[in-house]
Protein backbone atom coordinates (compact mmCIF):
# COMPACT_ATOMS: atom_id res chain seq x y z
CA MET A 1 0.05 0.03 0.06
CA LEU A 2 0.74 3.36 -0.28
CA SER A 3 1.59 5.13 2.29
CA PRO A 4 1.48 9.24 2.05
CA LEU A 5 5.23 9.85 1.91
CA HIS A 6 5.83 8.01 -0.95
CA PHE A 7 2.79 9.02 -2.83
CA ARG A 8 4.22 12.96 -2.16
CA ASP A 9 7.75 11.57 -3.03
CA MET A 10 6.14 10.15 -6.56
CA ALA A 11 3.89 13.23 -7.08
CA ALA A 12 7.03 15.66 -6.91
CA ARG A 13 9.36 12.91 -9.06
CA LEU A 14 6.63 13.23 -11.60
CA ALA A 15 6.47 16.37 -11.29
CA VAL A 16 9.35 17.29 -12.15
CA ARG A 17 9.96 14.95 -14.82
CA LEU A 18 6.57 16.61 -16.31
CA ILE A 19 8.67 20.30 -15.55
CA LEU A 20 11.69 19.26 -17.40
CA LEU A 21 9.78 17.38 -20.48
CA THR A 22 7.84 20.43 -21.13
CA ALA A 23 10.95 22.59 -20.78
CA VAL A 24 12.84 20.43 -23.48
CA PHE A 25 9.56 20.06 -25.62
CA ALA A 26 9.59 24.45 -25.20
CA ILE A 27 13.05 24.21 -26.53
CA GLY A 28 12.68 21.82 -29.13
CA LEU A 29 9.97 24.23 -30.45
CA ALA A 30 11.65 26.88 -30.04
CA PHE A 31 15.02 25.63 -31.85
CA PHE A 32 12.04 24.61 -34.61
CA TRP A 33 10.01 27.45 -34.73
CA ASN A 34 13.58 29.42 -35.77
CA TYR A 35 14.46 27.02 -38.00
CA ILE A 36 10.83 27.12 -40.03
CA SER A 37 10.95 31.13 -39.69
CA ASP A 38 14.53 31.06 -41.24
CA ARG A 39 13.49 28.37 -44.28
CA ALA A 40 10.42 30.70 -44.94
CA HIS A 41 12.92 33.95 -44.91
CA SER A 42 15.20 32.36 -47.15
CA LEU A 43 12.37 31.16 -49.91
CA GLU A 44 10.89 34.78 -49.87
CA GLU A 45 14.35 35.95 -50.77
CA GLN A 46 14.69 33.24 -53.40
CA ARG A 47 11.19 33.83 -54.53
CA LEU A 48 12.38 37.92 -54.68
CA LEU A 49 15.71 36.76 -56.32
CA LEU A 50 13.69 34.91 -58.88
CA ALA A 51 11.27 37.49 -59.75
CA ALA A 52 14.06 39.51 -60.10
CA PHE A 53 16.20 37.66 -62.61
CA GLU A 54 12.41 36.74 -64.50
CA GLU A 55 12.43 40.77 -65.20
CA GLU A 56 15.93 40.79 -65.94
CA ARG A 57 15.04 38.04 -68.31
CA LEU A 58 12.43 39.72 -69.69
CA ASN A 59 14.10 43.00 -69.82
CA ALA A 60 16.86 41.65 -72.12
CA SER A 61 14.75 39.46 -74.26
CA HIS A 62 13.05 43.28 -75.17
CA LEU A 63 16.60 44.87 -75.99
CA LYS A 64 17.86 41.80 -77.92
CA ASP A 65 14.30 42.05 -79.92
CA ASP A 66 15.10 46.28 -79.75
CA TYR A 67 18.19 45.40 -81.24
CA ALA A 68 17.31 43.39 -83.86
CA ARG A 69 14.86 46.13 -85.17
CA ILE A 70 17.33 48.78 -85.13
CA SER A 71 20.17 46.78 -86.70
CA PRO A 72 20.04 47.48 -90.02
CA PHE A 73 19.84 51.41 -89.08
CA LEU A 74 23.11 51.38 -86.87
CA SER A 75 25.39 52.05 -89.67
CA THR A 76 22.91 55.27 -90.51
CA ILE A 77 23.20 56.77 -87.10
CA GLU A 78 26.23 56.10 -86.34
CA ASN A 79 27.24 58.25 -89.64
CA ALA A 80 24.22 60.91 -88.64
CA LEU A 81 27.20 62.88 -86.19
CA PRO A 82 29.20 65.05 -87.56
CA THR A 83 33.05 64.81 -86.85
CA GLU A 84 35.04 67.05 -85.12
CA GLU A 85 36.41 68.10 -87.99
CA SER A 86 33.68 68.93 -89.87
CA LEU A 87 32.30 71.23 -87.73
CA TYR A 88 32.37 73.95 -90.02
CA ARG A 89 29.93 72.69 -92.22
CA VAL A 90 27.21 72.27 -89.00
CA VAL A 91 28.13 75.77 -88.30
CA GLU A 92 27.55 76.84 -92.03
CA ALA A 93 24.78 74.77 -91.95
CA LEU A 94 22.68 76.88 -89.00
CA GLU A 95 23.96 79.59 -90.41
CA ASN A 96 22.43 79.04 -93.79
CA ILE A 97 19.34 78.33 -91.76
CA ALA A 98 19.21 80.84 -89.42
CA GLU A 99 19.46 83.32 -92.98
CA GLN A 100 16.63 81.20 -94.64
CA ASN A 101 14.36 82.59 -91.52
CA GLY A 102 15.46 86.24 -92.21
CA LEU A 103 18.22 86.97 -89.54
CA LYS A 104 21.45 87.64 -89.83
CA VAL A 105 24.19 85.72 -87.67
CA ALA A 106 27.34 85.22 -86.50
CA ILE A 107 27.96 81.69 -84.76
CA SER A 108 31.44 80.61 -82.88
CA LEU A 109 32.03 77.67 -81.20
CA GLU A 110 32.85 77.76 -77.61
CA GLY A 111 35.90 76.00 -76.40
CA GLN A 112 38.90 74.54 -78.08
CA SER A 113 37.90 71.30 -78.24
CA VAL A 114 34.73 68.09 -77.95
CA GLN A 115 33.47 66.90 -74.70
CA PRO A 116 32.00 63.95 -74.00
CA THR A 117 28.40 63.72 -73.39
CA GLY A 118 28.84 60.53 -71.13
CA VAL A 119 26.97 58.76 -74.27
CA SER A 120 29.88 56.75 -75.55
CA GLY A 121 30.99 57.40 -78.54
CA VAL A 122 28.95 61.40 -78.73
CA ASN A 123 31.05 64.17 -78.05
CA TYR A 124 29.55 67.95 -78.02
CA ILE A 125 30.74 71.28 -78.32
CA GLY A 126 29.28 74.29 -77.04
CA PHE A 127 28.34 76.78 -79.89
CA ARG A 128 26.68 80.50 -79.08
CA GLY A 129 25.33 82.61 -81.83
CA VAL A 130 24.50 86.53 -82.34
CA LEU A 131 21.32 86.75 -84.30
CA ASP A 132 20.18 90.22 -85.06
CA GLY A 133 16.23 90.00 -86.20
CA ASN A 134 13.04 89.18 -84.00
CA LEU A 135 11.16 87.07 -81.86
CA GLU A 136 8.92 85.65 -84.83
CA GLY A 137 12.73 85.38 -86.69
CA LEU A 138 13.85 83.76 -83.67
CA ARG A 139 10.90 81.48 -83.28
CA LYS A 140 11.17 80.28 -87.24
CA TYR A 141 14.75 79.46 -86.45
CA LEU A 142 14.81 76.94 -83.75
CA SER A 143 11.53 75.05 -85.68
CA ALA A 144 14.00 75.05 -88.55
CA ILE A 145 16.98 73.41 -86.60
CA ASP A 146 14.47 71.23 -84.70
CA ALA A 147 13.88 69.76 -88.03
CA SER A 148 17.11 69.71 -89.78
CA PRO A 149 19.09 67.02 -89.83
CA VAL A 150 21.70 69.03 -87.98
CA PHE A 151 22.29 67.48 -83.85
CA ALA A 152 22.16 71.07 -81.79
CA SER A 153 20.17 71.61 -79.45
CA VAL A 154 19.56 75.11 -77.49
CA HIS A 155 19.69 75.48 -74.17
CA ALA A 156 19.76 79.94 -73.65
CA ILE A 157 18.00 82.30 -75.16
CA SER A 158 18.74 86.36 -74.14
CA LEU A 159 16.47 89.00 -75.97
CA THR A 160 18.36 92.35 -76.17
CA GLY A 161 16.34 95.45 -77.66
CA SER A 162 13.70 97.67 -76.54
CA ASN A 163 10.93 95.54 -78.40
CA VAL A 164 12.41 92.58 -80.22
CA PHE A 165 8.89 91.15 -79.92
CA TYR A 166 7.85 93.60 -83.20
CA GLN A 167 11.29 95.18 -84.12
CA ASN A 168 14.41 93.51 -84.70
CA GLY A 169 17.08 93.51 -82.06
CA THR A 170 19.96 91.04 -80.91
CA LEU A 171 19.45 87.60 -79.86
CA THR A 172 21.88 85.34 -78.78
CA ILE A 173 21.56 82.15 -78.55
CA ARG A 174 23.95 79.50 -76.82
CA GLY A 175 23.22 75.84 -77.17
CA LYS A 176 25.52 72.51 -77.91
CA ILE A 177 26.81 70.77 -81.22
CA TYR A 178 27.16 67.17 -81.25
CA THR A 179 29.67 64.54 -82.61
CA LYS A 180 31.36 61.54 -82.85
């Protein structure tokens, strides 16, 4: 028969065993939870990398298709920009465009040599043009430059005169001529 002392001793041992078993189970569950959490995080990173790779693959595919479409025109594009040696022809073309639009012009290059644009094989040199005319002539001139085969951009315009909108005055433009 079980004595109360013996029963208490067995109950205490059982309680200690249950507490130890619960502690071991809790520690094991924590390690397992961390393992599952790490695997889920790793899986999410792999999904993100896979999505980024797929996007890059699609971009490369589009680039390949675009290159196939423009490759017949590459030689034309490469030969469209003037060389540094033929800049005088571009300046002459800009002056002719001005004269065709009723402006008197004097264009000068700014700087001694071309500067890189950051795009491979494309350079530029600054220019300054002093035009005698009115604002309407300048508007027509800028439209004609835009429609011409000359690769030039105008980035500054200054007007001098009492009423350049209707009468002749001095117009100064600054821009870039692009070369190869």
